[in-house]
């Protein structure tokens, strides 16, 4: 009996929705052979210029990259790990 396979099958993507859209964009063309990706990009820009806030955000994210998220931190960077290591060392020293 063959061994069980885990994970995704060879050649299969873990992003099927992205892959389906990419295939559709490659397949679909209008009469002037303009690729649909260009048509979609034009539509996104027109929507953004018309005030669609989601389109504006998408254009900004694509041109400038997504805004970085600030990370706040307080306290021990190791989350008490240093104290745990010290305690373990003390226990081992007593043995």
N, C-alpha and C. Protein backbone atom coordinates (compact mmCIF):
# COMPACT_ATOMS: atom_id res chain seq x y z
N UNK A 1 0.85 -1.17 0.00
CA UNK A 1 0.00 0.00 0.00
C UNK A 1 0.90 1.24 0.00
N UNK A 2 0.62 2.23 -0.89
CA UNK A 2 1.48 3.41 -0.95
C UNK A 2 1.33 4.28 0.29
N UNK A 3 2.37 5.00 0.59
CA UNK A 3 2.35 5.90 1.76
C UNK A 3 1.38 7.04 1.51
N UNK A 4 0.76 7.51 2.58
CA UNK A 4 -0.18 8.63 2.47
C UNK A 4 0.59 9.90 2.12
N UNK A 5 -0.04 10.73 1.30
CA UNK A 5 0.58 12.00 0.92
C UNK A 5 0.00 13.10 1.77
N UNK A 6 0.84 14.01 2.18
CA UNK A 6 0.40 15.15 2.97
C UNK A 6 0.73 16.44 2.21
N UNK A 7 0.01 17.49 2.52
CA UNK A 7 0.24 18.76 1.85
C UNK A 7 -0.47 18.80 0.52
N UNK A 8 -0.15 19.79 -0.30
CA UNK A 8 -0.83 19.91 -1.59
C UNK A 8 -0.14 19.02 -2.61
N UNK A 9 -0.89 18.62 -3.61
CA UNK A 9 -0.37 17.75 -4.65
C UNK A 9 0.69 18.49 -5.46
N UNK A 10 1.61 17.74 -6.03
CA UNK A 10 2.68 18.33 -6.82
C UNK A 10 2.08 19.16 -7.95
N UNK A 11 2.59 20.37 -8.12
CA UNK A 11 2.11 21.23 -9.18
C UNK A 11 0.86 22.02 -8.83
N UNK A 12 0.29 21.78 -7.69
CA UNK A 12 -0.92 22.50 -7.28
C UNK A 12 -0.53 23.70 -6.43
N UNK A 13 -1.22 24.80 -6.66
CA UNK A 13 -0.94 26.02 -5.92
C UNK A 13 -1.75 26.05 -4.63
N UNK A 14 -1.25 26.79 -3.65
CA UNK A 14 -2.02 26.98 -2.43
C UNK A 14 -2.90 28.22 -2.54
N UNK A 15 -2.96 28.83 -3.74
CA UNK A 15 -3.79 30.02 -3.98
C UNK A 15 -4.65 29.79 -5.22
N UNK A 16 -5.65 28.92 -5.14
CA UNK A 16 -6.45 28.59 -6.32
C UNK A 16 -7.24 29.77 -6.86
N UNK A 17 -7.70 30.68 -6.01
CA UNK A 17 -8.46 31.84 -6.48
C UNK A 17 -7.55 32.75 -7.32
N UNK A 18 -6.36 33.01 -6.84
CA UNK A 18 -5.39 33.83 -7.57
C UNK A 18 -5.06 33.18 -8.92
N UNK A 19 -4.87 31.87 -8.89
CA UNK A 19 -4.54 31.15 -10.12
C UNK A 19 -5.68 31.21 -11.12
N UNK A 20 -6.92 31.07 -10.65
CA UNK A 20 -8.09 31.12 -11.54
C UNK A 20 -8.22 32.50 -12.18
N UNK A 21 -7.99 33.54 -11.40
CA UNK A 21 -8.07 34.90 -11.94
C UNK A 21 -6.96 35.12 -12.96
N UNK A 22 -5.75 34.66 -12.65
CA UNK A 22 -4.63 34.81 -13.58
C UNK A 22 -4.92 34.09 -14.90
N UNK A 23 -5.49 32.89 -14.84
CA UNK A 23 -5.84 32.17 -16.06
C UNK A 23 -6.91 32.91 -16.86
N UNK A 24 -7.92 33.46 -16.15
CA UNK A 24 -8.99 34.19 -16.82
C UNK A 24 -8.46 35.44 -17.52
N UNK A 25 -7.55 36.13 -16.86
CA UNK A 25 -6.97 37.34 -17.45
C UNK A 25 -6.17 36.99 -18.70
N UNK A 26 -5.44 35.89 -18.65
CA UNK A 26 -4.66 35.47 -19.82
C UNK A 26 -5.57 35.03 -20.97
N UNK A 27 -6.69 34.37 -20.64
CA UNK A 27 -7.62 33.86 -21.66
C UNK A 27 -8.43 34.95 -22.33
N UNK A 28 -8.96 35.84 -21.51
CA UNK A 28 -9.94 36.80 -21.98
C UNK A 28 -9.28 37.99 -22.67
N UNK A 29 -9.72 38.27 -23.87
CA UNK A 29 -9.22 39.43 -24.61
C UNK A 29 -10.40 40.06 -25.33
N UNK A 30 -10.34 41.38 -25.54
CA UNK A 30 -11.40 42.02 -26.30
C UNK A 30 -11.02 42.05 -27.77
N UNK A 31 -11.83 42.69 -28.61
CA UNK A 31 -11.61 42.69 -30.05
C UNK A 31 -10.29 43.30 -30.49
N UNK A 32 -9.74 44.23 -29.73
CA UNK A 32 -8.48 44.85 -30.12
C UNK A 32 -7.28 44.14 -29.50
N UNK A 33 -7.52 43.02 -28.95
CA UNK A 33 -6.49 42.21 -28.31
C UNK A 33 -5.84 42.90 -27.11
N UNK A 34 -6.57 43.86 -26.52
CA UNK A 34 -6.10 44.46 -25.27
C UNK A 34 -6.29 43.43 -24.18
N UNK A 35 -5.27 43.19 -23.42
CA UNK A 35 -5.39 42.20 -22.35
C UNK A 35 -6.34 42.71 -21.29
N UNK A 36 -7.12 41.82 -20.73
CA UNK A 36 -8.08 42.19 -19.70
C UNK A 36 -7.42 42.81 -18.49
N UNK A 37 -6.20 42.47 -18.23
CA UNK A 37 -5.52 43.06 -17.09
C UNK A 37 -5.42 44.58 -17.26
N UNK A 38 -5.15 45.02 -18.50
CA UNK A 38 -5.12 46.46 -18.77
C UNK A 38 -6.50 47.07 -18.63
N UNK A 39 -7.52 46.35 -19.09
CA UNK A 39 -8.90 46.83 -18.97
C UNK A 39 -9.27 46.98 -17.50
N UNK A 40 -8.92 45.99 -16.71
CA UNK A 40 -9.23 46.04 -15.27
C UNK A 40 -8.47 47.17 -14.58
N UNK A 41 -7.21 47.37 -14.95
CA UNK A 41 -6.42 48.46 -14.36
C UNK A 41 -7.04 49.81 -14.71
N UNK A 42 -7.46 49.96 -15.96
CA UNK A 42 -8.11 51.21 -16.37
C UNK A 42 -9.38 51.45 -15.56
N UNK A 43 -10.17 50.41 -15.39
CA UNK A 43 -11.42 50.52 -14.63
C UNK A 43 -11.12 50.92 -13.18
N UNK A 44 -10.09 50.33 -12.59
CA UNK A 44 -9.72 50.65 -11.21
C UNK A 44 -9.36 52.13 -11.08
N UNK A 45 -8.58 52.64 -12.03
CA UNK A 45 -8.17 54.04 -11.99
C UNK A 45 -9.38 54.95 -12.18
N UNK A 46 -10.27 54.60 -13.09
CA UNK A 46 -11.48 55.41 -13.32
C UNK A 46 -12.35 55.41 -12.06
N UNK A 47 -12.51 54.26 -11.44
CA UNK A 47 -13.29 54.18 -10.20
C UNK A 47 -12.67 55.04 -9.10
N UNK A 48 -11.37 54.98 -8.98
CA UNK A 48 -10.68 55.80 -7.98
C UNK A 48 -10.85 57.27 -8.25
N UNK A 49 -10.72 57.67 -9.51
CA UNK A 49 -10.89 59.07 -9.88
C UNK A 49 -12.32 59.53 -9.62
N UNK A 50 -13.27 58.59 -9.64
CA UNK A 50 -14.67 58.91 -9.38
C UNK A 50 -15.00 58.97 -7.90
N UNK A 51 -14.02 58.68 -7.05
CA UNK A 51 -14.25 58.80 -5.62
C UNK A 51 -14.46 57.49 -4.88
N UNK A 52 -14.37 56.35 -5.55
CA UNK A 52 -14.52 55.07 -4.88
C UNK A 52 -13.32 54.86 -3.95
N UNK A 53 -13.58 54.93 -2.67
CA UNK A 53 -12.50 54.91 -1.68
C UNK A 53 -11.71 53.59 -1.71
N UNK A 54 -12.38 52.47 -1.98
CA UNK A 54 -11.67 51.19 -2.06
C UNK A 54 -10.73 51.16 -3.26
N UNK A 55 -11.19 51.74 -4.38
CA UNK A 55 -10.33 51.81 -5.57
C UNK A 55 -9.15 52.73 -5.31
N UNK A 56 -9.39 53.86 -4.64
CA UNK A 56 -8.30 54.78 -4.31
C UNK A 56 -7.26 54.08 -3.45
N UNK A 57 -7.72 53.34 -2.44
CA UNK A 57 -6.81 52.61 -1.56
C UNK A 57 -6.02 51.57 -2.34
N UNK A 58 -6.69 50.84 -3.22
CA UNK A 58 -6.02 49.81 -4.00
C UNK A 58 -4.94 50.40 -4.90
N UNK A 59 -5.26 51.50 -5.58
CA UNK A 59 -4.27 52.16 -6.44
C UNK A 59 -3.08 52.61 -5.60
N UNK A 60 -3.35 53.24 -4.46
CA UNK A 60 -2.27 53.67 -3.58
C UNK A 60 -1.41 52.51 -3.10
N UNK A 61 -2.06 51.40 -2.71
CA UNK A 61 -1.32 50.23 -2.25
C UNK A 61 -0.44 49.66 -3.35
N UNK A 62 -0.95 49.68 -4.57
CA UNK A 62 -0.19 49.11 -5.69
C UNK A 62 0.97 50.00 -6.11
N UNK A 63 0.79 51.31 -6.01
CA UNK A 63 1.84 52.23 -6.44
C UNK A 63 2.88 52.46 -5.37
N UNK A 64 2.44 52.68 -4.13
CA UNK A 64 3.36 53.01 -3.04
C UNK A 64 3.64 51.86 -2.10
N UNK A 65 2.89 50.79 -2.21
CA UNK A 65 2.99 49.69 -1.26
C UNK A 65 2.06 49.96 -0.08
N UNK A 66 1.69 48.92 0.61
CA UNK A 66 0.80 49.08 1.75
C UNK A 66 1.51 49.83 2.86
N UNK A 67 0.74 50.63 3.58
CA UNK A 67 1.30 51.37 4.70
C UNK A 67 1.77 50.39 5.77
N UNK A 68 2.93 50.66 6.35
CA UNK A 68 3.42 49.77 7.40
C UNK A 68 2.60 49.97 8.66
N UNK A 69 2.40 48.89 9.36
CA UNK A 69 1.62 48.91 10.59
C UNK A 69 2.57 49.14 11.76
N UNK A 70 2.30 50.13 12.59
CA UNK A 70 3.17 50.34 13.76
C UNK A 70 3.02 49.17 14.74
N UNK A 71 4.13 48.80 15.32
CA UNK A 71 4.13 47.72 16.29
C UNK A 71 4.48 48.31 17.65
N UNK A 72 3.57 48.13 18.60
CA UNK A 72 3.84 48.63 19.95
C UNK A 72 4.28 47.47 20.82
N UNK A 73 5.21 47.77 21.70
CA UNK A 73 5.70 46.72 22.58
C UNK A 73 5.99 47.34 23.94
N UNK A 74 5.66 46.60 24.94
CA UNK A 74 6.02 47.04 26.28
C UNK A 74 6.47 45.82 27.07
N UNK A 75 7.37 46.03 27.98
CA UNK A 75 7.80 44.93 28.83
C UNK A 75 8.99 44.18 28.25
N UNK A 76 9.21 43.02 28.78
CA UNK A 76 10.33 42.17 28.41
C UNK A 76 10.15 41.66 26.98
N UNK A 77 11.14 41.90 26.14
CA UNK A 77 11.07 41.47 24.74
C UNK A 77 11.00 39.96 24.61
N UNK A 78 11.52 39.25 25.58
CA UNK A 78 11.51 37.80 25.53
C UNK A 78 10.29 37.20 26.24
N UNK A 79 9.43 38.03 26.76
CA UNK A 79 8.22 37.53 27.39
C UNK A 79 8.49 36.66 28.60
N UNK A 80 9.50 36.97 29.39
CA UNK A 80 9.80 36.19 30.59
C UNK A 80 10.69 35.00 30.32
N UNK A 81 11.12 34.82 29.09
CA UNK A 81 11.96 33.68 28.76
C UNK A 81 13.28 33.73 29.51
N UNK A 82 13.85 34.93 29.62
CA UNK A 82 15.14 35.05 30.33
C UNK A 82 15.00 34.59 31.78
N UNK A 83 13.90 34.96 32.41
CA UNK A 83 13.67 34.53 33.80
C UNK A 83 13.52 33.02 33.89
N UNK A 84 12.85 32.43 32.94
CA UNK A 84 12.65 30.97 32.94
C UNK A 84 13.98 30.26 32.76
N UNK A 85 14.84 30.79 31.89
CA UNK A 85 16.15 30.18 31.66
C UNK A 85 17.00 30.28 32.93
N UNK A 86 16.96 31.44 33.61
CA UNK A 86 17.70 31.59 34.87
C UNK A 86 17.21 30.59 35.91
N UNK A 87 15.91 30.43 36.03
CA UNK A 87 15.34 29.50 37.01
C UNK A 87 15.76 28.07 36.69
N UNK A 88 15.75 27.72 35.42
CA UNK A 88 16.17 26.37 35.01
C UNK A 88 17.65 26.16 35.33
N UNK A 89 18.47 27.18 35.08
CA UNK A 89 19.89 27.07 35.40
C UNK A 89 20.11 26.88 36.89
N UNK A 90 19.33 27.55 37.71
CA UNK A 90 19.45 27.40 39.15
C UNK A 90 19.06 26.00 39.59
N UNK A 91 18.00 25.46 38.99
CA UNK A 91 17.57 24.09 39.32
C UNK A 91 18.65 23.08 38.95
N UNK A 92 19.25 23.26 37.80
CA UNK A 92 20.30 22.33 37.35
C UNK A 92 21.54 22.46 38.25
N UNK A 93 21.83 23.64 38.71
CA UNK A 93 23.00 23.85 39.58
C UNK A 93 22.81 23.14 40.92
N UNK A 94 21.58 23.03 41.38
CA UNK A 94 21.31 22.36 42.65
C UNK A 94 21.44 20.86 42.55
N UNK A 95 21.38 20.31 41.36
CA UNK A 95 21.40 18.85 41.19
C UNK A 95 22.78 18.27 41.37
